[in-house]
């Protein structure tokens, strides 16, 4: 299963060129993981792997920064439904919504819950650190972070300093 995903990512989600990352850094490659998370074959594999890790952690709240986490969260929730398990999803916006409820975190209230964050690609960890801050404002704690790819740009060390377990499926060194 993981070997299939490795080859799928290499073939479809690694782009070569001149790119600027969300951190502002330049890179000769870009990981467009949405190509893989928006394909039923690869998304199903990602959801299966993450779902097993989430069950093993005994956490019921799963979410992450919106856009990268959106399809992953949806697929994991669907997977939990097919097994009659009760997981709950949430998405963290990059800023307050300007209308309606003006929420930063969409989905159920997380008050005093332990949660898992999922993400497609992690570079410096900035988006996840921002999400953690919002989650902590609700009195909740991030226990586990799962990603498809870690770009190996310092996020692991940041999460370690926060005492949060980080478990990427792949490091970028395995893909390029």
C-alpha atoms as a PDB file:
ATOM      1  CA  UNK A   1       0.000   0.000   0.000  1.00  0.00           C
ATOM      2  CA  UNK A   2       2.733   2.473   0.981  1.00  0.00           C
ATOM      3  CA  UNK A   3       4.862   1.426  -2.020  1.00  0.00           C
ATOM      4  CA  UNK A   4       1.937   2.174  -4.348  1.00  0.00           C
ATOM      5  CA  UNK A   5       1.582   5.608  -2.790  1.00  0.00           C
ATOM      6  CA  UNK A   6       5.322   6.311  -3.057  1.00  0.00           C
ATOM      7  CA  UNK A   7       5.296   5.561  -6.790  1.00  0.00           C
ATOM      8  CA  UNK A   8       2.070   7.517  -7.316  1.00  0.00           C
ATOM      9  CA  UNK A   9       3.524  10.589  -5.627  1.00  0.00           C
ATOM     10  CA  UNK A  10       6.775  10.340  -7.595  1.00  0.00           C
ATOM     11  CA  UNK A  11       4.919  10.027 -10.891  1.00  0.00           C
ATOM     12  CA  UNK A  12       2.153  12.588 -10.336  1.00  0.00           C
ATOM     13  CA  UNK A  13       2.923  15.034  -7.539  1.00  0.00           C
ATOM     14  CA  UNK A  14       6.597  16.003  -7.904  1.00  0.00           C
ATOM     15  CA  UNK A  15       6.992  18.962 -10.237  1.00  0.00           C
ATOM     16  CA  UNK A  16      10.381  20.313 -11.362  1.00  0.00           C
ATOM     17  CA  UNK A  17      11.010  24.008 -11.996  1.00  0.00           C
ATOM     18  CA  UNK A  18      11.452  27.252 -10.070  1.00  0.00           C
ATOM     19  CA  UNK A  19       8.959  27.553  -7.218  1.00  0.00           C
ATOM     20  CA  UNK A  20       8.368  29.805  -4.210  1.00  0.00           C
ATOM     21  CA  UNK A  21       7.089  27.922  -1.173  1.00  0.00           C
ATOM     22  CA  UNK A  22       4.555  29.222   1.353  1.00  0.00           C
ATOM     23  CA  UNK A  23       7.508  29.900   3.668  1.00  0.00           C
ATOM     24  CA  UNK A  24       8.902  32.263   1.008  1.00  0.00           C
ATOM     25  CA  UNK A  25      11.853  29.987   0.281  1.00  0.00           C
ATOM     26  CA  UNK A  26      12.787  29.048  -3.291  1.00  0.00           C
ATOM     27  CA  UNK A  27      12.811  25.427  -4.432  1.00  0.00           C
ATOM     28  CA  UNK A  28      13.744  23.577  -7.663  1.00  0.00           C
ATOM     29  CA  UNK A  29      10.798  21.225  -7.099  1.00  0.00           C
ATOM     30  CA  UNK A  30       7.250  21.464  -5.836  1.00  0.00           C
ATOM     31  CA  UNK A  31       5.133  18.763  -4.260  1.00  0.00           C
ATOM     32  CA  UNK A  32       1.606  19.195  -5.588  1.00  0.00           C
ATOM     33  CA  UNK A  33       0.080  16.648  -3.240  1.00  0.00           C
ATOM     34  CA  UNK A  34      -3.428  17.773  -4.178  1.00  0.00           C
ATOM     35  CA  UNK A  35      -2.960  15.812  -7.399  1.00  0.00           C
ATOM     36  CA  UNK A  36      -2.713  12.754  -5.166  1.00  0.00           C
ATOM     37  CA  UNK A  37      -5.309  13.764  -2.560  1.00  0.00           C
ATOM     38  CA  UNK A  38      -7.836  14.534  -5.283  1.00  0.00           C
ATOM     39  CA  UNK A  39      -7.486  11.122  -6.941  1.00  0.00           C
ATOM     40  CA  UNK A  40      -9.627   8.305  -5.552  1.00  0.00           C
ATOM     41  CA  UNK A  41      -6.882   5.678  -5.819  1.00  0.00           C
ATOM     42  CA  UNK A  42      -4.201   7.525  -3.926  1.00  0.00           C
ATOM     43  CA  UNK A  43      -6.569   9.330  -1.532  1.00  0.00           C
ATOM     44  CA  UNK A  44      -8.075   5.993  -0.529  1.00  0.00           C
ATOM     45  CA  UNK A  45      -4.603   4.696   0.289  1.00  0.00           C
ATOM     46  CA  UNK A  46      -3.715   7.836   2.274  1.00  0.00           C
ATOM     47  CA  UNK A  47      -7.001   7.633   4.201  1.00  0.00           C
ATOM     48  CA  UNK A  48      -6.488   3.948   4.995  1.00  0.00           C
ATOM     49  CA  UNK A  49      -2.983   4.514   6.365  1.00  0.00           C
ATOM     50  CA  UNK A  50      -3.927   7.614   8.377  1.00  0.00           C
ATOM     51  CA  UNK A  51      -7.156   6.029   9.635  1.00  0.00           C
ATOM     52  CA  UNK A  52      -5.229   3.095  11.141  1.00  0.00           C
ATOM     53  CA  UNK A  53      -2.805   5.482  12.852  1.00  0.00           C
ATOM     54  CA  UNK A  54      -5.679   7.565  14.227  1.00  0.00           C
ATOM     55  CA  UNK A  55      -7.468   4.497  15.598  1.00  0.00           C
ATOM     56  CA  UNK A  56      -4.234   3.353  17.254  1.00  0.00           C
ATOM     57  CA  UNK A  57      -3.930   6.776  18.923  1.00  0.00           C
ATOM     58  CA  UNK A  58      -7.494   6.619  20.345  1.00  0.00           C
ATOM     59  CA  UNK A  59      -8.268  10.128  19.087  1.00  0.00           C
ATOM     60  CA  UNK A  60     -11.668  11.034  17.632  1.00  0.00           C
ATOM     61  CA  UNK A  61     -11.080  14.585  16.346  1.00  0.00           C
ATOM     62  CA  UNK A  62      -9.175  14.836  13.068  1.00  0.00           C
ATOM     63  CA  UNK A  63      -8.539  17.998  11.117  1.00  0.00           C
ATOM     64  CA  UNK A  64      -5.979  20.375   9.777  1.00  0.00           C
ATOM     65  CA  UNK A  65      -5.229  23.528   7.858  1.00  0.00           C
ATOM     66  CA  UNK A  66      -7.654  24.092   5.022  1.00  0.00           C
ATOM     67  CA  UNK A  67      -6.923  23.422   1.783  1.00  0.00           C
ATOM     68  CA  UNK A  68      -4.300  20.687   2.204  1.00  0.00           C
ATOM     69  CA  UNK A  69      -6.226  18.787   4.858  1.00  0.00           C
ATOM     70  CA  UNK A  70      -9.719  19.087   3.323  1.00  0.00           C
ATOM     71  CA  UNK A  71      -9.821  15.966   1.120  1.00  0.00           C
ATOM     72  CA  UNK A  72      -7.810  13.941   3.636  1.00  0.00           C
ATOM     73  CA  UNK A  73     -10.192  14.735   6.498  1.00  0.00           C
ATOM     74  CA  UNK A  74     -13.204  13.939   4.317  1.00  0.00           C
ATOM     75  CA  UNK A  75     -11.755  10.605   3.224  1.00  0.00           C
ATOM     76  CA  UNK A  76     -10.841   9.624   6.787  1.00  0.00           C
ATOM     77  CA  UNK A  77     -14.353  10.475   8.006  1.00  0.00           C
ATOM     78  CA  UNK A  78     -15.840   8.417   5.184  1.00  0.00           C
ATOM     79  CA  UNK A  79     -13.534   5.521   6.085  1.00  0.00           C
ATOM     80  CA  UNK A  80     -14.632   5.740   9.733  1.00  0.00           C
ATOM     81  CA  UNK A  81     -18.280   5.726   8.643  1.00  0.00           C
ATOM     82  CA  UNK A  82     -17.807   2.494   6.676  1.00  0.00           C
ATOM     83  CA  UNK A  83     -16.418   0.862   9.825  1.00  0.00           C
ATOM     84  CA  UNK A  84     -19.114   2.332  12.090  1.00  0.00           C
ATOM     85  CA  UNK A  85     -16.589   4.381  14.070  1.00  0.00           C
ATOM     86  CA  UNK A  86     -17.422   7.877  15.280  1.00  0.00           C
ATOM     87  CA  UNK A  87     -14.674  10.279  14.229  1.00  0.00           C
ATOM     88  CA  UNK A  88     -15.282  14.017  13.985  1.00  0.00           C
ATOM     89  CA  UNK A  89     -13.586  16.354  11.528  1.00  0.00           C
ATOM     90  CA  UNK A  90     -12.587  19.990  11.623  1.00  0.00           C
ATOM     91  CA  UNK A  91     -10.761  22.431   9.361  1.00  0.00           C
ATOM     92  CA  UNK A  92      -8.645  25.386  10.419  1.00  0.00           C
ATOM     93  CA  UNK A  93      -8.817  28.529   8.285  1.00  0.00           C
ATOM     94  CA  UNK A  94      -5.779  30.780   7.896  1.00  0.00           C
ATOM     95  CA  UNK A  95      -7.832  33.649   9.322  1.00  0.00           C
ATOM     96  CA  UNK A  96     -11.236  34.512  10.697  1.00  0.00           C
ATOM     97  CA  UNK A  97     -14.124  34.147   8.274  1.00  0.00           C
ATOM     98  CA  UNK A  98     -15.462  37.632   7.495  1.00  0.00           C
ATOM     99  CA  UNK A  99     -19.158  36.668   7.530  1.00  0.00           C
ATOM    100  CA  UNK A 100     -21.606  34.271   9.179  1.00  0.00           C
ATOM    101  CA  UNK A 101     -20.151  32.654  12.283  1.00  0.00           C
ATOM    102  CA  UNK A 102     -16.713  34.233  11.703  1.00  0.00           C
ATOM    103  CA  UNK A 103     -15.082  30.988  12.822  1.00  0.00           C
ATOM    104  CA  UNK A 104     -11.443  30.106  12.339  1.00  0.00           C
ATOM    105  CA  UNK A 105     -12.108  26.431  13.104  1.00  0.00           C
ATOM    106  CA  UNK A 106     -14.964  24.885  11.117  1.00  0.00           C
ATOM    107  CA  UNK A 107     -16.730  21.790  12.398  1.00  0.00           C
ATOM    108  CA  UNK A 108     -17.623  20.683  15.911  1.00  0.00           C
ATOM    109  CA  UNK A 109     -16.438  22.640  18.934  1.00  0.00           C
ATOM    110  CA  UNK A 110     -13.161  21.153  20.146  1.00  0.00           C
ATOM    111  CA  UNK A 111     -13.377  22.310  23.777  1.00  0.00           C
ATOM    112  CA  UNK A 112     -10.849  20.380  25.871  1.00  0.00           C
ATOM    113  CA  UNK A 113     -10.323  17.630  23.296  1.00  0.00           C
ATOM    114  CA  UNK A 114      -7.225  15.791  22.163  1.00  0.00           C
ATOM    115  CA  UNK A 115      -6.859  15.994  18.395  1.00  0.00           C
ATOM    116  CA  UNK A 116      -4.829  14.803  15.429  1.00  0.00           C
ATOM    117  CA  UNK A 117      -3.783  17.155  12.652  1.00  0.00           C
ATOM    118  CA  UNK A 118      -3.428  15.873   9.090  1.00  0.00           C
ATOM    119  CA  UNK A 119      -1.701  17.726   6.266  1.00  0.00           C
ATOM    120  CA  UNK A 120      -0.552  16.961   2.746  1.00  0.00           C
ATOM    121  CA  UNK A 121       2.918  18.562   2.715  1.00  0.00           C
ATOM    122  CA  UNK A 122       4.833  20.036   5.644  1.00  0.00           C
ATOM    123  CA  UNK A 123       7.764  22.382   5.030  1.00  0.00           C
ATOM    124  CA  UNK A 124       8.713  24.594   7.968  1.00  0.00           C
ATOM    125  CA  UNK A 125       5.568  23.739   9.926  1.00  0.00           C
ATOM    126  CA  UNK A 126       4.271  27.312   9.977  1.00  0.00           C
ATOM    127  CA  UNK A 127       0.715  26.489   8.871  1.00  0.00           C
ATOM    128  CA  UNK A 128       0.445  23.722  11.426  1.00  0.00           C
ATOM    129  CA  UNK A 129       1.901  25.882  14.207  1.00  0.00           C
ATOM    130  CA  UNK A 130      -0.798  28.479  13.409  1.00  0.00           C
ATOM    131  CA  UNK A 131      -3.463  25.757  13.477  1.00  0.00           C
ATOM    132  CA  UNK A 132      -2.137  24.485  16.818  1.00  0.00           C
ATOM    133  CA  UNK A 133      -2.446  27.992  18.243  1.00  0.00           C
ATOM    134  CA  UNK A 134      -6.112  28.190  17.197  1.00  0.00           C
ATOM    135  CA  UNK A 135      -6.818  24.695  18.542  1.00  0.00           C
ATOM    136  CA  UNK A 136      -5.232  25.589  21.886  1.00  0.00           C
ATOM    137  CA  UNK A 137      -7.475  28.672  22.126  1.00  0.00           C
ATOM    138  CA  UNK A 138     -10.355  26.183  22.423  1.00  0.00           C
ATOM    139  CA  UNK A 139      -8.599  24.457  25.315  1.00  0.00           C
ATOM    140  CA  UNK A 140      -7.662  21.478  23.164  1.00  0.00           C
ATOM    141  CA  UNK A 141      -4.341  19.737  22.642  1.00  0.00           C
ATOM    142  CA  UNK A 142      -2.745  18.359  19.487  1.00  0.00           C
ATOM    143  CA  UNK A 143      -1.437  14.875  20.265  1.00  0.00           C
ATOM    144  CA  UNK A 144      -0.398  13.730  16.784  1.00  0.00           C
ATOM    145  CA  UNK A 145       0.476  15.257  13.419  1.00  0.00           C
ATOM    146  CA  UNK A 146       0.273  13.122  10.274  1.00  0.00           C
ATOM    147  CA  UNK A 147       1.481  14.281   6.873  1.00  0.00           C
ATOM    148  CA  UNK A 148       1.962  12.703   3.499  1.00  0.00           C
ATOM    149  CA  UNK A 149       5.350  14.354   2.895  1.00  0.00           C
ATOM    150  CA  UNK A 150       7.823  16.141   5.152  1.00  0.00           C
ATOM    151  CA  UNK A 151      10.072  18.479   3.124  1.00  0.00           C
ATOM    152  CA  UNK A 152      12.679  18.169   5.910  1.00  0.00           C
ATOM    153  CA  UNK A 153      12.872  21.929   6.473  1.00  0.00           C
ATOM    154  CA  UNK A 154      12.757  21.977  10.278  1.00  0.00           C
ATOM    155  CA  UNK A 155       9.135  21.156  11.095  1.00  0.00           C
ATOM    156  CA  UNK A 156      10.023  17.910  12.876  1.00  0.00           C
ATOM    157  CA  UNK A 157      12.217  19.802  15.331  1.00  0.00           C
ATOM    158  CA  UNK A 158       9.521  22.436  15.967  1.00  0.00           C
ATOM    159  CA  UNK A 159       6.893  19.781  16.686  1.00  0.00           C
ATOM    160  CA  UNK A 160       9.312  17.920  18.936  1.00  0.00           C
ATOM    161  CA  UNK A 161       9.866  21.088  21.008  1.00  0.00           C
ATOM    162  CA  UNK A 162       6.079  21.240  21.452  1.00  0.00           C
ATOM    163  CA  UNK A 163       6.063  17.577  22.568  1.00  0.00           C
ATOM    164  CA  UNK A 164       3.803  16.578  19.683  1.00  0.00           C
ATOM    165  CA  UNK A 165       4.347  13.272  17.899  1.00  0.00           C
ATOM    166  CA  UNK A 166       4.944  13.794  14.175  1.00  0.00           C
ATOM    167  CA  UNK A 167       4.572  10.889  11.757  1.00  0.00           C
ATOM    168  CA  UNK A 168       5.009  11.709   8.044  1.00  0.00           C
ATOM    169  CA  UNK A 169       4.441   8.910   5.535  1.00  0.00           C
ATOM    170  CA  UNK A 170       7.470  10.027   3.515  1.00  0.00           C
ATOM    171  CA  UNK A 171      10.418  12.362   3.806  1.00  0.00           C
ATOM    172  CA  UNK A 172      11.240  14.351   0.695  1.00  0.00           C
ATOM    173  CA  UNK A 173      14.563  12.489   0.450  1.00  0.00           C
ATOM    174  CA  UNK A 174      12.535   9.372  -0.419  1.00  0.00           C
ATOM    175  CA  UNK A 175      10.766  11.116  -3.299  1.00  0.00           C
ATOM    176  CA  UNK A 176      13.383  13.108  -5.198  1.00  0.00           C
END
